[in-house]
C-alpha atoms as a PDB file:
ATOM      1  CA  MET A   1     295.103  78.701 342.183  1.00  0.00           C
ATOM      2  CA  THR A   2     291.930  79.982 343.844  1.00  0.00           C
ATOM      3  CA  ILE A   3     288.419  79.410 342.472  1.00  0.00           C
ATOM      4  CA  LYS A   4     288.160  83.118 341.753  1.00  0.00           C
ATOM      5  CA  LYS A   5     291.344  83.048 339.668  1.00  0.00           C
ATOM      6  CA  ILE A   6     290.241  79.898 337.850  1.00  0.00           C
ATOM      7  CA  LEU A   7     286.973  81.569 336.867  1.00  0.00           C
ATOM      8  CA  LYS A   8     288.703  84.745 335.723  1.00  0.00           C
ATOM      9  CA  TYR A   9     291.372  83.004 333.624  1.00  0.00           C
ATOM     10  CA  PRO A  10     289.238  82.139 330.564  1.00  0.00           C
ATOM     11  CA  ILE A  11     287.605  85.566 330.707  1.00  0.00           C
ATOM     12  CA  TYR A  12     290.928  87.396 330.562  1.00  0.00           C
ATOM     13  CA  LEU A  13     292.139  84.973 327.889  1.00  0.00           C
ATOM     14  CA  ALA A  14     289.176  85.933 325.702  1.00  0.00           C
ATOM     15  CA  LEU A  15     289.560  89.636 326.445  1.00  0.00           C
ATOM     16  CA  SER A  16     293.259  89.606 325.606  1.00  0.00           C
ATOM     17  CA  CYS A  17     292.403  88.461 322.085  1.00  0.00           C
ATOM     18  CA  LEU A  18     289.743  91.111 321.466  1.00  0.00           C
ATOM     19  CA  PRO A  19     290.276  94.680 320.228  1.00  0.00           C
ATOM     20  CA  ALA A  20     290.529  97.247 323.011  1.00  0.00           C
ATOM     21  CA  VAL A  21     287.457  99.108 324.206  1.00  0.00           C
ATOM     22  CA  LEU A  22     289.700 102.118 324.772  1.00  0.00           C
ATOM     23  CA  THR A  23     288.021 104.098 322.044  1.00  0.00           C
ATOM     24  CA  ALA A  24     287.788 107.879 322.212  1.00  0.00           C
ATOM     25  CA  ASN A  25     286.800 109.403 325.552  1.00  0.00           C
ATOM     26  CA  ARG A  26     287.903 106.544 327.783  1.00  0.00           C
ATOM     27  CA  ALA A  27     291.240 106.113 329.514  1.00  0.00           C
ATOM     28  CA  ASN A  28     292.821 103.395 331.617  1.00  0.00           C
ATOM     29  CA  VAL A  29     294.858 104.430 334.667  1.00  0.00           C
ATOM     30  CA  LEU A  30     297.197 101.643 335.808  1.00  0.00           C
ATOM     31  CA  MET A  31     298.375 101.393 339.431  1.00  0.00           C
ATOM     32  CA  TYR A  32     301.762  99.927 340.336  1.00  0.00           C
ATOM     33  CA  HIS A  33     303.656  99.854 343.611  1.00  0.00           C
ATOM     34  CA  SER A  34     307.000  98.008 343.693  1.00  0.00           C
ATOM     35  CA  ILE A  35     309.037  96.707 340.743  1.00  0.00           C
ATOM     36  CA  SER A  36     311.181  94.007 342.347  1.00  0.00           C
ATOM     37  CA  ASP A  37     311.769  90.297 342.879  1.00  0.00           C
ATOM     38  CA  ASP A  38     310.683  90.497 346.519  1.00  0.00           C
ATOM     39  CA  GLY A  39     307.761  88.121 346.010  1.00  0.00           C
ATOM     40  CA  LEU A  40     305.259  90.334 347.795  1.00  0.00           C
ATOM     41  CA  PHE A  41     301.738  90.613 346.400  1.00  0.00           C
ATOM     42  CA  PHE A  42     302.130  94.224 345.266  1.00  0.00           C
ATOM     43  CA  CYS A  43     305.528  93.642 343.619  1.00  0.00           C
ATOM     44  CA  VAL A  44     305.857  93.183 339.861  1.00  0.00           C
ATOM     45  CA  LYS A  45     309.039  91.424 338.773  1.00  0.00           C
ATOM     46  CA  PRO A  46     311.395  93.622 336.708  1.00  0.00           C
ATOM     47  CA  ASP A  47     311.378  91.305 333.677  1.00  0.00           C
ATOM     48  CA  VAL A  48     307.570  91.190 333.752  1.00  0.00           C
ATOM     49  CA  PHE A  49     307.376  94.985 334.013  1.00  0.00           C
ATOM     50  CA  ARG A  50     309.698  95.316 331.021  1.00  0.00           C
ATOM     51  CA  LYS A  51     307.449  93.047 328.952  1.00  0.00           C
ATOM     52  CA  GLN A  52     304.398  95.057 329.984  1.00  0.00           C
ATOM     53  CA  MET A  53     305.940  98.391 328.997  1.00  0.00           C
ATOM     54  CA  THR A  54     307.249  96.925 325.745  1.00  0.00           C
ATOM     55  CA  TYR A  55     303.718  95.750 324.958  1.00  0.00           C
ATOM     56  CA  LEU A  56     302.318  99.250 325.501  1.00  0.00           C
ATOM     57  CA  ALA A  57     305.036 100.811 323.363  1.00  0.00           C
ATOM     58  CA  THR A  58     304.987  98.343 320.478  1.00  0.00           C
ATOM     59  CA  HIS A  59     301.187  98.324 320.281  1.00  0.00           C
ATOM     60  CA  ARG A  60     301.149 102.116 320.169  1.00  0.00           C
ATOM     61  CA  PHE A  61     299.079 102.847 323.237  1.00  0.00           C
ATOM     62  CA  ASN A  62     298.754 106.550 323.959  1.00  0.00           C
ATOM     63  CA  VAL A  63     300.631 106.602 327.284  1.00  0.00           C
ATOM     64  CA  VAL A  64     300.260 110.074 328.803  1.00  0.00           C
ATOM     65  CA  SER A  65     300.882 111.984 332.007  1.00  0.00           C
ATOM     66  CA  LEU A  66     298.172 112.988 334.471  1.00  0.00           C
ATOM     67  CA  ASP A  67     298.631 116.568 333.261  1.00  0.00           C
ATOM     68  CA  LYS A  68     297.696 115.442 329.761  1.00  0.00           C
ATOM     69  CA  LEU A  69     294.766 113.393 331.046  1.00  0.00           C
ATOM     70  CA  PHE A  70     293.470 116.483 332.860  1.00  0.00           C
ATOM     71  CA  GLU A  71     293.761 118.437 329.602  1.00  0.00           C
ATOM     72  CA  TYR A  72     291.729 115.710 327.892  1.00  0.00           C
ATOM     73  CA  PHE A  73     289.072 116.019 330.591  1.00  0.00           C
ATOM     74  CA  LEU A  74     288.844 119.768 330.073  1.00  0.00           C
ATOM     75  CA  SER A  75     288.517 119.385 326.304  1.00  0.00           C
ATOM     76  CA  LYS A  76     286.145 116.412 326.763  1.00  0.00           C
ATOM     77  CA  ASN A  77     288.180 114.524 324.194  1.00  0.00           C
ATOM     78  CA  ILE A  78     290.322 111.514 325.185  1.00  0.00           C
ATOM     79  CA  PRO A  79     292.137 109.857 322.254  1.00  0.00           C
ATOM     80  CA  PRO A  80     291.787 106.094 321.687  1.00  0.00           C
ATOM     81  CA  LYS A  81     294.031 103.682 323.610  1.00  0.00           C
ATOM     82  CA  THR A  82     294.956 106.223 326.285  1.00  0.00           C
ATOM     83  CA  ILE A  83     296.885 104.827 329.261  1.00  0.00           C
ATOM     84  CA  VAL A  84     298.197 106.571 332.388  1.00  0.00           C
ATOM     85  CA  LEU A  85     300.925 104.937 334.499  1.00  0.00           C
ATOM     86  CA  THR A  86     300.950 105.564 338.258  1.00  0.00           C
ATOM     87  CA  PHE A  87     303.080 104.232 341.116  1.00  0.00           C
ATOM     88  CA  ASP A  88     302.114 104.514 344.781  1.00  0.00           C
ATOM     89  CA  ASP A  89     304.431 105.160 347.753  1.00  0.00           C
ATOM     90  CA  GLY A  90     307.758 105.955 346.027  1.00  0.00           C
ATOM     91  CA  TYR A  91     309.799 102.792 346.494  1.00  0.00           C
ATOM     92  CA  GLU A  92     313.470 103.009 345.573  1.00  0.00           C
ATOM     93  CA  ASP A  93     313.010 100.226 343.048  1.00  0.00           C
ATOM     94  CA  ASN A  94     310.846 102.641 341.027  1.00  0.00           C
ATOM     95  CA  TYR A  95     314.085 104.573 340.527  1.00  0.00           C
ATOM     96  CA  LYS A  96     316.374 101.577 340.013  1.00  0.00           C
ATOM     97  CA  MET A  97     314.136  99.172 338.073  1.00  0.00           C
ATOM     98  CA  ALA A  98     311.120 100.994 336.634  1.00  0.00           C
ATOM     99  CA  PHE A  99     312.635 104.267 335.472  1.00  0.00           C
ATOM    100  CA  PRO A 100     315.254 102.780 333.077  1.00  0.00           C
ATOM    101  CA  VAL A 101     312.456 100.903 331.274  1.00  0.00           C
ATOM    102  CA  LEU A 102     310.187 103.938 331.154  1.00  0.00           C
ATOM    103  CA  ARG A 103     313.058 106.059 329.818  1.00  0.00           C
ATOM    104  CA  GLU A 104     313.893 103.453 327.188  1.00  0.00           C
ATOM    105  CA  HIS A 105     310.355 103.634 325.806  1.00  0.00           C
ATOM    106  CA  ASN A 106     309.833 107.346 326.607  1.00  0.00           C
ATOM    107  CA  LEU A 107     306.787 106.578 328.761  1.00  0.00           C
ATOM    108  CA  PRO A 108     305.686 109.203 331.310  1.00  0.00           C
ATOM    109  CA  ALA A 109     304.502 108.190 334.776  1.00  0.00           C
ATOM    110  CA  THR A 110     303.332 109.672 338.073  1.00  0.00           C
ATOM    111  CA  ILE A 111     304.735 108.586 341.434  1.00  0.00           C
ATOM    112  CA  PHE A 112     302.511 109.310 344.421  1.00  0.00           C
ATOM    113  CA  LEU A 113     305.031 109.908 347.169  1.00  0.00           C
ATOM    114  CA  THR A 114     304.621 109.166 350.885  1.00  0.00           C
ATOM    115  CA  THR A 115     306.754 112.098 351.951  1.00  0.00           C
ATOM    116  CA  GLY A 116     307.268 111.085 355.575  1.00  0.00           C
ATOM    117  CA  TRP A 117     309.053 107.931 354.432  1.00  0.00           C
ATOM    118  CA  ILE A 118     311.564 109.579 352.067  1.00  0.00           C
ATOM    119  CA  GLY A 119     315.056 108.131 352.445  1.00  0.00           C
ATOM    120  CA  SER A 120     313.922 105.465 354.899  1.00  0.00           C
ATOM    121  CA  ALA A 121     311.524 102.527 354.695  1.00  0.00           C
ATOM    122  CA  ASP A 122     307.773 102.126 354.861  1.00  0.00           C
ATOM    123  CA  ASN A 123     306.277 101.081 358.172  1.00  0.00           C
ATOM    124  CA  LYS A 124     304.798  97.770 357.049  1.00  0.00           C
ATOM    125  CA  VAL A 125     307.015  95.804 354.671  1.00  0.00           C
ATOM    126  CA  LYS A 126     310.223  97.776 355.345  1.00  0.00           C
ATOM    127  CA  LYS A 127     310.952  98.434 351.695  1.00  0.00           C
ATOM    128  CA  LYS A 128     313.186 101.439 351.098  1.00  0.00           C
ATOM    129  CA  ILE A 129     311.736 104.671 349.734  1.00  0.00           C
ATOM    130  CA  MET A 130     313.643 106.936 347.333  1.00  0.00           C
ATOM    131  CA  ASP A 131     315.898 109.625 348.749  1.00  0.00           C
ATOM    132  CA  LEU A 132     315.857 113.312 347.831  1.00  0.00           C
ATOM    133  CA  ASP A 133     318.582 113.062 345.184  1.00  0.00           C
ATOM    134  CA  GLN A 134     316.789 110.224 343.410  1.00  0.00           C
ATOM    135  CA  ILE A 135     313.514 112.142 343.480  1.00  0.00           C
ATOM    136  CA  ARG A 136     315.164 115.237 342.001  1.00  0.00           C
ATOM    137  CA  GLU A 137     316.855 113.166 339.279  1.00  0.00           C
ATOM    138  CA  LEU A 138     313.594 111.558 338.197  1.00  0.00           C
ATOM    139  CA  HIS A 139     311.799 114.908 338.269  1.00  0.00           C
ATOM    140  CA  ASP A 140     314.539 116.517 336.160  1.00  0.00           C
ATOM    141  CA  SER A 141     314.181 113.769 333.547  1.00  0.00           C
ATOM    142  CA  GLY A 142     310.860 115.280 332.481  1.00  0.00           C
ATOM    143  CA  LEU A 143     309.245 111.835 332.410  1.00  0.00           C
ATOM    144  CA  ILE A 144     308.349 111.388 336.070  1.00  0.00           C
ATOM    145  CA  ASP A 145     305.832 113.544 337.901  1.00  0.00           C
ATOM    146  CA  PHE A 146     305.703 113.441 341.709  1.00  0.00           C
ATOM    147  CA  GLN A 147     302.432 114.024 343.539  1.00  0.00           C
ATOM    148  CA  PRO A 148     301.441 113.667 347.226  1.00  0.00           C
ATOM    149  CA  HIS A 149     300.331 110.433 348.894  1.00  0.00           C
ATOM    150  CA  THR A 150     300.177 111.859 352.444  1.00  0.00           C
ATOM    151  CA  LEU A 151     302.922 112.037 355.070  1.00  0.00           C
ATOM    152  CA  HIS A 152     302.569 108.598 356.660  1.00  0.00           C
ATOM    153  CA  HIS A 153     300.239 106.514 354.473  1.00  0.00           C
ATOM    154  CA  PHE A 154     297.475 106.309 357.060  1.00  0.00           C
ATOM    155  CA  LYS A 155     293.942 105.330 356.097  1.00  0.00           C
ATOM    156  CA  LEU A 156     292.426 108.788 355.844  1.00  0.00           C
ATOM    157  CA  SER A 157     288.938 107.502 356.586  1.00  0.00           C
ATOM    158  CA  GLY A 158     290.105 106.716 360.123  1.00  0.00           C
ATOM    159  CA  LEU A 159     291.491 110.180 360.876  1.00  0.00           C
ATOM    160  CA  ASP A 160     289.732 113.283 362.149  1.00  0.00           C
ATOM    161  CA  PRO A 161     289.450 116.236 359.716  1.00  0.00           C
ATOM    162  CA  GLU A 162     292.366 118.148 361.248  1.00  0.00           C
ATOM    163  CA  ARG A 163     294.721 115.168 360.943  1.00  0.00           C
ATOM    164  CA  GLN A 164     293.566 114.463 357.387  1.00  0.00           C
ATOM    165  CA  GLN A 165     294.307 118.082 356.491  1.00  0.00           C
ATOM    166  CA  GLU A 166     297.785 117.789 357.956  1.00  0.00           C
ATOM    167  CA  GLU A 167     298.577 114.530 356.148  1.00  0.00           C
ATOM    168  CA  ILE A 168     297.415 115.826 352.767  1.00  0.00           C
ATOM    169  CA  ILE A 169     298.490 119.461 352.732  1.00  0.00           C
ATOM    170  CA  GLN A 170     301.890 119.036 354.374  1.00  0.00           C
ATOM    171  CA  SER A 171     302.703 116.251 351.899  1.00  0.00           C
ATOM    172  CA  LYS A 172     301.746 118.539 349.023  1.00  0.00           C
ATOM    173  CA  GLU A 173     303.718 121.474 350.415  1.00  0.00           C
ATOM    174  CA  PHE A 174     306.830 119.320 350.845  1.00  0.00           C
ATOM    175  CA  ILE A 175     306.828 118.271 347.175  1.00  0.00           C
ATOM    176  CA  ASP A 176     305.912 121.765 345.982  1.00  0.00           C
ATOM    177  CA  ASP A 177     308.892 123.202 347.862  1.00  0.00           C
ATOM    178  CA  LEU A 178     311.325 120.422 346.929  1.00  0.00           C
ATOM    179  CA  LEU A 179     310.588 120.457 343.209  1.00  0.00           C
ATOM    180  CA  LYS A 180     309.376 124.046 342.791  1.00  0.00           C
ATOM    181  CA  LYS A 181     306.006 123.011 341.432  1.00  0.00           C
ATOM    182  CA  ASN A 182     302.309 123.067 342.264  1.00  0.00           C
ATOM    183  CA  CYS A 183     300.935 119.594 342.933  1.00  0.00           C
ATOM    184  CA  ARG A 184     297.368 119.119 341.701  1.00  0.00           C
ATOM    185  CA  TYR A 185     296.763 115.375 341.946  1.00  0.00           C
ATOM    186  CA  PHE A 186     296.397 112.940 344.836  1.00  0.00           C
ATOM    187  CA  ALA A 187     296.054 109.191 345.427  1.00  0.00           C
ATOM    188  CA  TYR A 188     294.216 107.892 348.500  1.00  0.00           C
ATOM    189  CA  PRO A 189     296.412 105.598 350.654  1.00  0.00           C
ATOM    190  CA  HIS A 190     294.800 102.154 350.864  1.00  0.00           C
ATOM    191  CA  GLY A 191     292.001 103.611 348.705  1.00  0.00           C
ATOM    192  CA  ARG A 192     290.331 104.926 351.874  1.00  0.00           C
ATOM    193  CA  TYR A 193     288.691 108.352 352.065  1.00  0.00           C
ATOM    194  CA  THR A 194     285.525 110.189 353.105  1.00  0.00           C
ATOM    195  CA  GLU A 195     283.528 113.183 351.911  1.00  0.00           C
ATOM    196  CA  THR A 196     285.667 115.233 354.293  1.00  0.00           C
ATOM    197  CA  THR A 197     288.795 114.032 352.487  1.00  0.00           C
ATOM    198  CA  ILE A 198     287.360 115.161 349.162  1.00  0.00           C
ATOM    199  CA  SER A 199     286.411 118.534 350.628  1.00  0.00           C
ATOM    200  CA  ILE A 200     289.981 119.045 351.888  1.00  0.00           C
ATOM    201  CA  LEU A 201     291.351 118.257 348.433  1.00  0.00           C
ATOM    202  CA  GLN A 202     288.944 120.624 346.726  1.00  0.00           C
ATOM    203  CA  THR A 203     289.741 123.427 349.151  1.00  0.00           C
ATOM    204  CA  GLY A 204     293.453 122.740 348.625  1.00  0.00           C
ATOM    205  CA  ASN A 205     293.093 123.307 344.854  1.00  0.00           C
ATOM    206  CA  PHE A 206     293.634 119.699 343.853  1.00  0.00           C
ATOM    207  CA  GLN A 207     292.150 118.798 340.471  1.00  0.00           C
ATOM    208  CA  LEU A 208     292.142 114.981 340.435  1.00  0.00           C
ATOM    209  CA  ALA A 209     292.184 112.228 343.057  1.00  0.00           C
ATOM    210  CA  LEU A 210     292.669 108.536 342.374  1.00  0.00           C
ATOM    211  CA  THR A 211     291.184 105.515 344.114  1.00  0.00           C
ATOM    212  CA  THR A 212     292.058 101.811 344.070  1.00  0.00           C
ATOM    213  CA  LYS A 213     288.755 100.785 342.466  1.00  0.00           C
ATOM    214  CA  GLY A 214     288.984  99.155 339.051  1.00  0.00           C
ATOM    215  CA  GLY A 215     287.492 100.561 335.866  1.00  0.00           C
ATOM    216  CA  LEU A 216     287.971 103.117 333.114  1.00  0.00           C
ATOM    217  CA  VAL A 217     287.671 106.905 333.339  1.00  0.00           C
ATOM    218  CA  ASN A 218     286.102 109.485 331.022  1.00  0.00           C
ATOM    219  CA  PRO A 219     285.540 113.266 331.023  1.00  0.00           C
ATOM    220  CA  SER A 220     282.295 112.872 332.987  1.00  0.00           C
ATOM    221  CA  SER A 221     283.915 110.746 335.737  1.00  0.00           C
ATOM    222  CA  ASP A 222     283.969 112.133 339.277  1.00  0.00           C
ATOM    223  CA  ARG A 223     287.432 113.728 339.271  1.00  0.00           C
ATOM    224  CA  PHE A 224     287.917 113.043 342.980  1.00  0.00           C
ATOM    225  CA  GLN A 225     287.033 109.354 342.690  1.00  0.00           C
ATOM    226  CA  LEU A 226     288.896 108.274 339.564  1.00  0.00           C
ATOM    227  CA  LYS A 227     289.286 104.545 339.046  1.00  0.00           C
ATOM    228  CA  ARG A 228     292.588 102.726 338.600  1.00  0.00           C
ATOM    229  CA  ASN A 229     293.494  99.180 337.642  1.00  0.00           C
ATOM    230  CA  ALA A 230     296.030  97.472 339.895  1.00  0.00           C
ATOM    231  CA  ILE A 231     298.919  95.567 338.337  1.00  0.00           C
ATOM    232  CA  ASP A 232     300.434  93.192 340.881  1.00  0.00           C
ATOM    233  CA  SER A 233     302.396  89.940 341.164  1.00  0.00           C
ATOM    234  CA  GLN A 234     299.362  87.849 340.176  1.00  0.00           C
ATOM    235  CA  VAL A 235     298.905  89.535 336.781  1.00  0.00           C
ATOM    236  CA  ASN A 236     300.412  87.452 333.992  1.00  0.00           C
ATOM    237  CA  THR A 237     300.994  88.568 330.402  1.00  0.00           C
ATOM    238  CA  MET A 238     297.597  87.425 329.144  1.00  0.00           C
ATOM    239  CA  GLN A 239     295.798  89.096 332.043  1.00  0.00           C
ATOM    240  CA  PHE A 240     297.767  92.290 331.557  1.00  0.00           C
ATOM    241  CA  LYS A 241     296.602  92.524 327.961  1.00  0.00           C
ATOM    242  CA  GLY A 242     292.998  92.003 329.060  1.00  0.00           C
ATOM    243  CA  ILE A 243     293.250  94.569 331.864  1.00  0.00           C
ATOM    244  CA  VAL A 244     294.850  97.157 329.592  1.00  0.00           C
ATOM    245  CA  LYS A 245     292.097  96.766 327.018  1.00  0.00           C
ATOM    246  CA  PHE A 246     289.072  96.353 329.285  1.00  0.00           C
ATOM    247  CA  ALA A 247     290.116  97.211 332.885  1.00  0.00           C
ATOM    248  CA  ARG A 248     289.877  94.922 335.931  1.00  0.00           C
ATOM    249  CA  PHE A 249     286.705  93.293 337.166  1.00  0.00           C
END
């Protein structure tokens, strides 16, 4: 255990025992990637994920879609204990392992899909991405919302404006055409972006964009730099309760 983790442990232990700060007008957006036993840093084990979702359901957190969160922003009124579940990349285990648990508890979620990887594997860890039939099935369930995460998961801050435009807009257009919808939300791959990236999103009629920075969001938050709290393999049950109530630090 690292020094950083040792120092954080008693803090999260204390936070997990306190009432949530998620009072009205603050929401907590959680960020997942893979739900699997692969042992990679960004993977949450299926049994751990089930316990986390059961905790949210049994403790009556207001788990909502990004559409609903956007409605809250417009009305400037976010109910207490509001949580939004997001998954980045579109790994097949989201379909096989996460979705059955979400369906069991009737919890909505958004999957930010790297469209250039569909039906194959990502370029780094070689984990399989969902295929078209799986994507359609989850979309048709009414619980899962798909939004763009670029074509190839490049760090947008390292691309020229024309290439950024291509990565973002073509990813959006693919999902719009596949699912007959109008995507309005975006998550920055690797959490990397520039003012040019934001300008492209605004011009493309996006309404919200999510980062990888920890914290809570409220109606006055910058809608193109919304914070999310990562849930990964290092988050145990006690830490999860603390993060859900107070966000990461």
